[in-house]
Amino acid sequence: MSENMKKGSISVETQNIFPVIKRWLYSEKDIFLREIVSNATDAITKMKRLMSLGQIPSTD
């Protein structure tokens, strides 16, 4: 590293970055819907896995 370059750190707080991510990620309706479906699918898969392991009761 040259003498003119300085090392530093970046500090980002969640309350500052989430609005930016939300605006960028969910500005298009098709992206928003794809994320909702993806998140729901992940949740269902996780629930089924936990049920198979007996960690949560079956909903039958």
PDB file of N, CA and C in Angstrom:
ATOM      1  N   MET A   1       0.848  -1.171   0.000  1.00  0.00           N
ATOM      2  CA  MET A   1       0.000   0.000   0.000  1.00  0.00           C
ATOM      3  C   MET A   1       0.896   1.237   0.000  1.00  0.00           C
ATOM      4  N   SER A   2       0.521   2.216  -0.784  1.00  0.00           N
ATOM      5  CA  SER A   2       1.342   3.433  -0.854  1.00  0.00           C
ATOM      6  C   SER A   2       1.146   4.273   0.409  1.00  0.00           C
ATOM      7  N   GLU A   3       2.068   5.207   0.604  1.00  0.00           N
ATOM      8  CA  GLU A   3       2.001   6.067   1.783  1.00  0.00           C
ATOM      9  C   GLU A   3       0.801   7.001   1.751  1.00  0.00           C
ATOM     10  N   ASN A   4       0.284   7.313   0.563  1.00  0.00           N
ATOM     11  CA  ASN A   4      -0.833   8.245   0.433  1.00  0.00           C
ATOM     12  C   ASN A   4      -2.186   7.606   0.735  1.00  0.00           C
ATOM     13  N   MET A   5      -2.238   6.273   0.749  1.00  0.00           N
ATOM     14  CA  MET A   5      -3.503   5.592   1.000  1.00  0.00           C
ATOM     15  C   MET A   5      -3.700   5.416   2.498  1.00  0.00           C
ATOM     16  N   LYS A   6      -4.911   5.613   2.927  1.00  0.00           N
ATOM     17  CA  LYS A   6      -5.241   5.449   4.343  1.00  0.00           C
ATOM     18  C   LYS A   6      -6.222   4.297   4.495  1.00  0.00           C
ATOM     19  N   LYS A   7      -6.068   3.571   5.571  1.00  0.00           N
ATOM     20  CA  LYS A   7      -7.042   2.539   5.902  1.00  0.00           C
ATOM     21  C   LYS A   7      -8.146   3.192   6.694  1.00  0.00           C
ATOM     22  N   GLY A   8      -9.333   2.705   6.486  1.00  0.00           N
ATOM     23  CA  GLY A   8     -10.463   3.247   7.222  1.00  0.00           C
ATOM     24  C   GLY A   8     -11.516   2.178   7.417  1.00  0.00           C
ATOM     25  N   SER A   9     -12.597   2.578   7.965  1.00  0.00           N
ATOM     26  CA  SER A   9     -13.709   1.657   8.143  1.00  0.00           C
ATOM     27  C   SER A   9     -14.991   2.372   7.764  1.00  0.00           C
ATOM     28  N   ILE A  10     -15.957   1.573   7.431  1.00  0.00           N
ATOM     29  CA  ILE A  10     -17.265   2.105   7.076  1.00  0.00           C
ATOM     30  C   ILE A  10     -18.241   1.621   8.131  1.00  0.00           C
ATOM     31  N   SER A  11     -19.008   2.523   8.662  1.00  0.00           N
ATOM     32  CA  SER A  11     -20.015   2.176   9.657  1.00  0.00           C
ATOM     33  C   SER A  11     -21.382   2.489   9.069  1.00  0.00           C
ATOM     34  N   VAL A  12     -22.210   1.455   8.964  1.00  0.00           N
ATOM     35  CA  VAL A  12     -23.553   1.635   8.422  1.00  0.00           C
ATOM     36  C   VAL A  12     -24.543   1.101   9.446  1.00  0.00           C
ATOM     37  N   GLU A  13     -25.487   1.933   9.813  1.00  0.00           N
ATOM     38  CA  GLU A  13     -26.511   1.503  10.752  1.00  0.00           C
ATOM     39  C   GLU A  13     -27.733   1.039   9.973  1.00  0.00           C
ATOM     40  N   THR A  14     -28.386  -0.006  10.478  1.00  0.00           N
ATOM     41  CA  THR A  14     -29.501  -0.612   9.746  1.00  0.00           C
ATOM     42  C   THR A  14     -30.624   0.376   9.474  1.00  0.00           C
ATOM     43  N   GLN A  15     -30.907   1.265  10.415  1.00  0.00           N
ATOM     44  CA  GLN A  15     -32.002   2.208  10.170  1.00  0.00           C
ATOM     45  C   GLN A  15     -31.692   3.151   9.016  1.00  0.00           C
ATOM     46  N   ASN A  16     -30.406   3.291   8.668  1.00  0.00           N
ATOM     47  CA  ASN A  16     -30.027   4.152   7.554  1.00  0.00           C
ATOM     48  C   ASN A  16     -30.003   3.414   6.224  1.00  0.00           C
ATOM     49  N   ILE A  17     -29.650   2.131   6.241  1.00  0.00           N
ATOM     50  CA  ILE A  17     -29.477   1.398   4.985  1.00  0.00           C
ATOM     51  C   ILE A  17     -30.774   0.733   4.505  1.00  0.00           C
ATOM     52  N   PHE A  18     -31.659   0.321   5.424  1.00  0.00           N
ATOM     53  CA  PHE A  18     -32.873  -0.375   5.002  1.00  0.00           C
ATOM     54  C   PHE A  18     -33.768   0.443   4.079  1.00  0.00           C
ATOM     55  N   PRO A  19     -33.982   1.728   4.321  1.00  0.00           N
ATOM     56  CA  PRO A  19     -34.800   2.491   3.371  1.00  0.00           C
ATOM     57  C   PRO A  19     -34.200   2.517   1.958  1.00  0.00           C
ATOM     58  N   VAL A  20     -32.888   2.568   1.874  1.00  0.00           N
ATOM     59  CA  VAL A  20     -32.227   2.573   0.566  1.00  0.00           C
ATOM     60  C   VAL A  20     -32.442   1.231  -0.128  1.00  0.00           C
ATOM     61  N   ILE A  21     -32.234   0.151   0.608  1.00  0.00           N
ATOM     62  CA  ILE A  21     -32.430  -1.187   0.042  1.00  0.00           C
ATOM     63  C   ILE A  21     -33.882  -1.371  -0.372  1.00  0.00           C
ATOM     64  N   LYS A  22     -34.808  -0.969   0.484  1.00  0.00           N
ATOM     65  CA  LYS A  22     -36.236  -1.118   0.185  1.00  0.00           C
ATOM     66  C   LYS A  22     -36.608  -0.371  -1.086  1.00  0.00           C
ATOM     67  N   ARG A  23     -36.153   0.853  -1.204  1.00  0.00           N
ATOM     68  CA  ARG A  23     -36.460   1.658  -2.395  1.00  0.00           C
ATOM     69  C   ARG A  23     -35.884   1.015  -3.645  1.00  0.00           C
ATOM     70  N   TRP A  24     -34.640   0.532  -3.550  1.00  0.00           N
ATOM     71  CA  TRP A  24     -33.964  -0.062  -4.704  1.00  0.00           C
ATOM     72  C   TRP A  24     -34.571  -1.407  -5.065  1.00  0.00           C
ATOM     73  N   LEU A  25     -34.782  -2.260  -4.065  1.00  0.00           N
ATOM     74  CA  LEU A  25     -35.216  -3.627  -4.323  1.00  0.00           C
ATOM     75  C   LEU A  25     -36.679  -3.712  -4.712  1.00  0.00           C
ATOM     76  N   TYR A  26     -37.530  -2.929  -4.066  1.00  0.00           N
ATOM     77  CA  TYR A  26     -38.970  -3.079  -4.257  1.00  0.00           C
ATOM     78  C   TYR A  26     -39.588  -2.000  -5.138  1.00  0.00           C
ATOM     79  N   SER A  27     -38.787  -1.327  -5.929  1.00  0.00           N
ATOM     80  CA  SER A  27     -39.337  -0.276  -6.780  1.00  0.00           C
ATOM     81  C   SER A  27     -40.093  -0.852  -7.971  1.00  0.00           C
ATOM     82  N   GLU A  28     -39.752  -2.057  -8.365  1.00  0.00           N
ATOM     83  CA  GLU A  28     -40.437  -2.710  -9.486  1.00  0.00           C
ATOM     84  C   GLU A  28     -41.414  -3.747  -8.939  1.00  0.00           C
ATOM     85  N   LYS A  29     -42.652  -3.718  -9.406  1.00  0.00           N
ATOM     86  CA  LYS A  29     -43.677  -4.626  -8.880  1.00  0.00           C
ATOM     87  C   LYS A  29     -43.318  -6.090  -9.099  1.00  0.00           C
ATOM     88  N   ASP A  30     -42.732  -6.424 -10.250  1.00  0.00           N
ATOM     89  CA  ASP A  30     -42.412  -7.831 -10.508  1.00  0.00           C
ATOM     90  C   ASP A  30     -41.323  -8.335  -9.564  1.00  0.00           C
ATOM     91  N   ILE A  31     -40.366  -7.485  -9.222  1.00  0.00           N
ATOM     92  CA  ILE A  31     -39.322  -7.871  -8.267  1.00  0.00           C
ATOM     93  C   ILE A  31     -39.941  -8.066  -6.891  1.00  0.00           C
ATOM     94  N   PHE A  32     -40.824  -7.168  -6.506  1.00  0.00           N
ATOM     95  CA  PHE A  32     -41.495  -7.272  -5.211  1.00  0.00           C
ATOM     96  C   PHE A  32     -42.267  -8.584  -5.104  1.00  0.00           C
ATOM     97  N   LEU A  33     -43.049  -8.903  -6.128  1.00  0.00           N
ATOM     98  CA  LEU A  33     -43.836 -10.135  -6.101  1.00  0.00           C
ATOM     99  C   LEU A  33     -42.942 -11.374  -6.091  1.00  0.00           C
ATOM    100  N   ARG A  34     -41.867 -11.342  -6.850  1.00  0.00           N
ATOM    101  CA  ARG A  34     -40.939 -12.473  -6.875  1.00  0.00           C
ATOM    102  C   ARG A  34     -40.321 -12.689  -5.495  1.00  0.00           C
ATOM    103  N   GLU A  35     -39.976 -11.612  -4.802  1.00  0.00           N
ATOM    104  CA  GLU A  35     -39.414 -11.713  -3.451  1.00  0.00           C
ATOM    105  C   GLU A  35     -40.431 -12.263  -2.463  1.00  0.00           C
ATOM    106  N   ILE A  36     -41.665 -11.811  -2.556  1.00  0.00           N
ATOM    107  CA  ILE A  36     -42.718 -12.301  -1.659  1.00  0.00           C
ATOM    108  C   ILE A  36     -42.916 -13.802  -1.851  1.00  0.00           C
ATOM    109  N   VAL A  37     -43.008 -14.254  -3.093  1.00  0.00           N
ATOM    110  CA  VAL A  37     -43.188 -15.677  -3.379  1.00  0.00           C
ATOM    111  C   VAL A  37     -41.980 -16.476  -2.906  1.00  0.00           C
ATOM    112  N   SER A  38     -40.798 -15.974  -3.153  1.00  0.00           N
ATOM    113  CA  SER A  38     -39.579 -16.656  -2.732  1.00  0.00           C
ATOM    114  C   SER A  38     -39.517 -16.792  -1.214  1.00  0.00           C
ATOM    115  N   ASN A  39     -39.827 -15.712  -0.507  1.00  0.00           N
ATOM    116  CA  ASN A  39     -39.813 -15.750   0.956  1.00  0.00           C
ATOM    117  C   ASN A  39     -40.858 -16.717   1.500  1.00  0.00           C
ATOM    118  N   ALA A  40     -42.033 -16.736   0.896  1.00  0.00           N
ATOM    119  CA  ALA A  40     -43.084 -17.656   1.339  1.00  0.00           C
ATOM    120  C   ALA A  40     -42.674 -19.103   1.097  1.00  0.00           C
ATOM    121  N   THR A  41     -42.068 -19.372  -0.047  1.00  0.00           N
ATOM    122  CA  THR A  41     -41.593 -20.721  -0.357  1.00  0.00           C
ATOM    123  C   THR A  41     -40.531 -21.165   0.630  1.00  0.00           C
ATOM    124  N   ASP A  42     -39.601 -20.290   0.940  1.00  0.00           N
ATOM    125  CA  ASP A  42     -38.560 -20.607   1.926  1.00  0.00           C
ATOM    126  C   ASP A  42     -39.169 -20.905   3.291  1.00  0.00           C
ATOM    127  N   ALA A  43     -40.155 -20.124   3.701  1.00  0.00           N
ATOM    128  CA  ALA A  43     -40.801 -20.321   4.998  1.00  0.00           C
ATOM    129  C   ALA A  43     -41.523 -21.661   5.060  1.00  0.00           C
ATOM    130  N   ILE A  44     -42.222 -22.022   3.985  1.00  0.00           N
ATOM    131  CA  ILE A  44     -42.935 -23.301   3.941  1.00  0.00           C
ATOM    132  C   ILE A  44     -41.950 -24.462   3.979  1.00  0.00           C
ATOM    133  N   THR A  45     -40.865 -24.362   3.227  1.00  0.00           N
ATOM    134  CA  THR A  45     -39.838 -25.411   3.225  1.00  0.00           C
ATOM    135  C   THR A  45     -39.238 -25.575   4.619  1.00  0.00           C
ATOM    136  N   LYS A  46     -38.940 -24.460   5.277  1.00  0.00           N
ATOM    137  CA  LYS A  46     -38.372 -24.524   6.624  1.00  0.00           C
ATOM    138  C   LYS A  46     -39.371 -25.136   7.596  1.00  0.00           C
ATOM    139  N   MET A  47     -40.635 -24.756   7.501  1.00  0.00           N
ATOM    140  CA  MET A  47     -41.659 -25.302   8.384  1.00  0.00           C
ATOM    141  C   MET A  47     -41.793 -26.816   8.206  1.00  0.00           C
ATOM    142  N   LYS A  48     -41.800 -27.275   6.954  1.00  0.00           N
ATOM    143  CA  LYS A  48     -41.897 -28.713   6.689  1.00  0.00           C
ATOM    144  C   LYS A  48     -40.693 -29.449   7.260  1.00  0.00           C
ATOM    145  N   ARG A  49     -39.513 -28.869   7.134  1.00  0.00           N
ATOM    146  CA  ARG A  49     -38.295 -29.497   7.665  1.00  0.00           C
ATOM    147  C   ARG A  49     -38.356 -29.598   9.185  1.00  0.00           C
ATOM    148  N   LEU A  50     -38.757 -28.518   9.839  1.00  0.00           N
ATOM    149  CA  LEU A  50     -38.864 -28.537  11.298  1.00  0.00           C
ATOM    150  C   LEU A  50     -39.928 -29.516  11.765  1.00  0.00           C
ATOM    151  N   MET A  51     -41.033 -29.627  11.017  1.00  0.00           N
ATOM    152  CA  MET A  51     -42.069 -30.602  11.359  1.00  0.00           C
ATOM    153  C   MET A  51     -41.535 -32.022  11.234  1.00  0.00           C
ATOM    154  N   SER A  52     -40.757 -32.285  10.192  1.00  0.00           N
ATOM    155  CA  SER A  52     -40.208 -33.633  10.000  1.00  0.00           C
ATOM    156  C   SER A  52     -39.218 -34.000  11.098  1.00  0.00           C
ATOM    157  N   LEU A  53     -38.571 -32.995  11.688  1.00  0.00           N
ATOM    158  CA  LEU A  53     -37.640 -33.228  12.775  1.00  0.00           C
ATOM    159  C   LEU A  53     -38.340 -33.255  14.141  1.00  0.00           C
ATOM    160  N   GLY A  54     -39.640 -32.982  14.146  1.00  0.00           N
ATOM    161  CA  GLY A  54     -40.405 -32.981  15.391  1.00  0.00           C
ATOM    162  C   GLY A  54     -40.181 -31.751  16.244  1.00  0.00           C
ATOM    163  N   GLN A  55     -39.614 -30.704  15.659  1.00  0.00           N
ATOM    164  CA  GLN A  55     -39.353 -29.494  16.444  1.00  0.00           C
ATOM    165  C   GLN A  55     -40.563 -28.569  16.543  1.00  0.00           C
ATOM    166  N   ILE A  56     -41.528 -28.739  15.650  1.00  0.00           N
ATOM    167  CA  ILE A  56     -42.789 -28.027  15.767  1.00  0.00           C
ATOM    168  C   ILE A  56     -43.897 -29.030  15.485  1.00  0.00           C
ATOM    169  N   PRO A  57     -45.048 -28.889  16.141  1.00  0.00           N
ATOM    170  CA  PRO A  57     -46.126 -29.860  15.943  1.00  0.00           C
ATOM    171  C   PRO A  57     -46.729 -29.775  14.546  1.00  0.00           C
ATOM    172  N   SER A  58     -47.213 -30.892  14.075  1.00  0.00           N
ATOM    173  CA  SER A  58     -47.864 -30.949  12.769  1.00  0.00           C
ATOM    174  C   SER A  58     -49.171 -30.181  12.816  1.00  0.00           C
ATOM    175  N   THR A  59     -49.567 -29.600  11.693  1.00  0.00           N
ATOM    176  CA  THR A  59     -50.819 -28.824  11.630  1.00  0.00           C
ATOM    177  C   THR A  59     -51.980 -29.689  11.159  1.00  0.00           C
ATOM    178  N   ASP A  60     -51.786 -30.996  11.116  1.00  0.00           N
ATOM    179  CA  ASP A  60     -52.864 -31.894  10.653  1.00  0.00           C
ATOM    180  C   ASP A  60     -54.027 -31.910  11.608  1.00  0.00           C
TER     181      ASP A  60
END
